[in-house]
Amino acid sequence: MQGLEEVNLLKTMMSEAIKEIVTDYKIASKEWFSLKEAAEYIGVSVNTLAKYRVMGLKVSVIEGVSRVSRKEIDRFLETHSN
């Protein structure tokens, strides 16, 4: 039975890893992000992203829906990196 438990654990771990890879790919391949996705894309919290908005990160808001372009995020990071 121990061998079966190890196989099931391995399957679970592989499944979780695949889900994470797919999620990362979906985010990385997008041109426009929600605020949450934008924060995930650059590895910061949504609160930090809000601070970046104050610092000049441009966010498009259409009928209450906020989106940030990949190009804008990259431009902002390049502008504010040392």
Protein backbone atom coordinates (compact mmCIF):
# COMPACT_ATOMS: atom_id res chain seq x y z
CA MET A 1 0.00 0.00 0.00
CA GLN A 2 2.85 2.39 0.70
CA GLY A 3 3.86 2.32 -2.97
CA LEU A 4 0.32 3.27 -4.02
CA GLU A 5 0.28 6.18 -1.56
CA GLU A 6 3.58 7.43 -2.96
CA VAL A 7 2.23 7.21 -6.51
CA ASN A 8 -0.91 9.13 -5.53
CA LEU A 9 1.16 11.78 -3.77
CA LEU A 10 3.37 12.11 -6.83
CA LYS A 11 0.31 12.45 -9.09
CA THR A 12 -1.11 15.16 -6.84
CA MET A 13 2.18 17.06 -6.81
CA MET A 14 2.51 16.81 -10.59
CA SER A 15 -1.07 17.96 -11.09
CA GLU A 16 -0.52 21.01 -8.88
CA ALA A 17 2.74 21.84 -10.67
CA ILE A 18 1.06 21.60 -14.08
CA LYS A 19 -1.80 23.86 -12.93
CA GLU A 20 0.72 26.44 -11.71
CA ILE A 21 2.63 26.31 -15.00
CA VAL A 22 -0.57 26.77 -17.01
CA THR A 23 -1.65 29.69 -14.83
CA ASP A 24 1.77 31.33 -15.15
CA TYR A 25 1.69 30.87 -18.93
CA LYS A 26 -1.79 32.36 -19.22
CA ILE A 27 -0.69 35.43 -17.29
CA ALA A 28 2.64 35.77 -19.12
CA SER A 29 1.02 35.52 -22.55
CA LYS A 30 -1.63 38.21 -21.97
CA GLU A 31 -1.35 41.71 -23.41
CA TRP A 32 -3.76 43.32 -20.90
CA PHE A 33 -4.04 42.41 -17.22
CA SER A 34 -6.56 42.91 -14.46
CA LEU A 35 -5.02 44.65 -11.44
CA LYS A 36 -4.62 41.29 -9.67
CA GLU A 37 -2.98 39.72 -12.73
CA ALA A 38 -0.70 42.75 -13.15
CA ALA A 39 0.44 42.39 -9.56
CA GLU A 40 1.09 38.67 -10.11
CA TYR A 41 2.96 39.41 -13.35
CA ILE A 42 5.49 41.61 -11.57
CA GLY A 43 5.46 39.73 -8.27
CA VAL A 44 4.00 42.39 -5.98
CA SER A 45 0.85 42.75 -3.91
CA VAL A 46 -2.21 44.60 -5.19
CA ASN A 47 -1.47 47.27 -2.55
CA THR A 48 2.02 47.78 -3.97
CA LEU A 49 0.52 48.02 -7.45
CA ALA A 50 -1.76 50.78 -6.12
CA LYS A 51 1.37 52.64 -4.94
CA TYR A 52 2.84 52.24 -8.42
CA ARG A 53 -0.31 53.88 -9.83
CA VAL A 54 0.37 56.89 -7.61
CA MET A 55 3.95 56.87 -8.91
CA GLY A 56 2.71 57.03 -12.52
CA LEU A 57 1.74 53.53 -13.67
CA LYS A 58 -1.03 54.14 -16.20
CA VAL A 59 -4.19 52.08 -15.77
CA SER A 60 -7.03 52.11 -18.30
CA VAL A 61 -10.49 52.21 -16.74
CA ILE A 62 -13.51 51.63 -18.96
CA GLU A 63 -16.93 51.53 -17.34
CA GLY A 64 -15.35 50.65 -14.00
CA VAL A 65 -13.15 47.87 -15.38
CA SER A 66 -9.43 48.47 -14.78
CA ARG A 67 -6.77 47.03 -17.06
CA VAL A 68 -3.01 47.52 -17.34
CA SER A 69 -1.08 46.78 -20.50
CA ARG A 70 2.04 44.64 -20.44
CA LYS A 71 3.88 47.41 -22.34
CA GLU A 72 2.93 49.98 -19.69
CA ILE A 73 4.10 47.73 -16.87
CA ASP A 74 7.40 47.08 -18.63
CA ARG A 75 7.83 50.82 -19.37
CA PHE A 76 7.10 51.73 -15.76
CA LEU A 77 9.54 49.17 -14.37
CA GLU A 78 12.25 50.24 -16.80
CA THR A 79 11.73 53.90 -15.90
CA HIS A 80 11.91 53.20 -12.17
CA SER A 81 14.78 50.71 -12.12
CA ASN A 82 18.27 51.80 -11.13
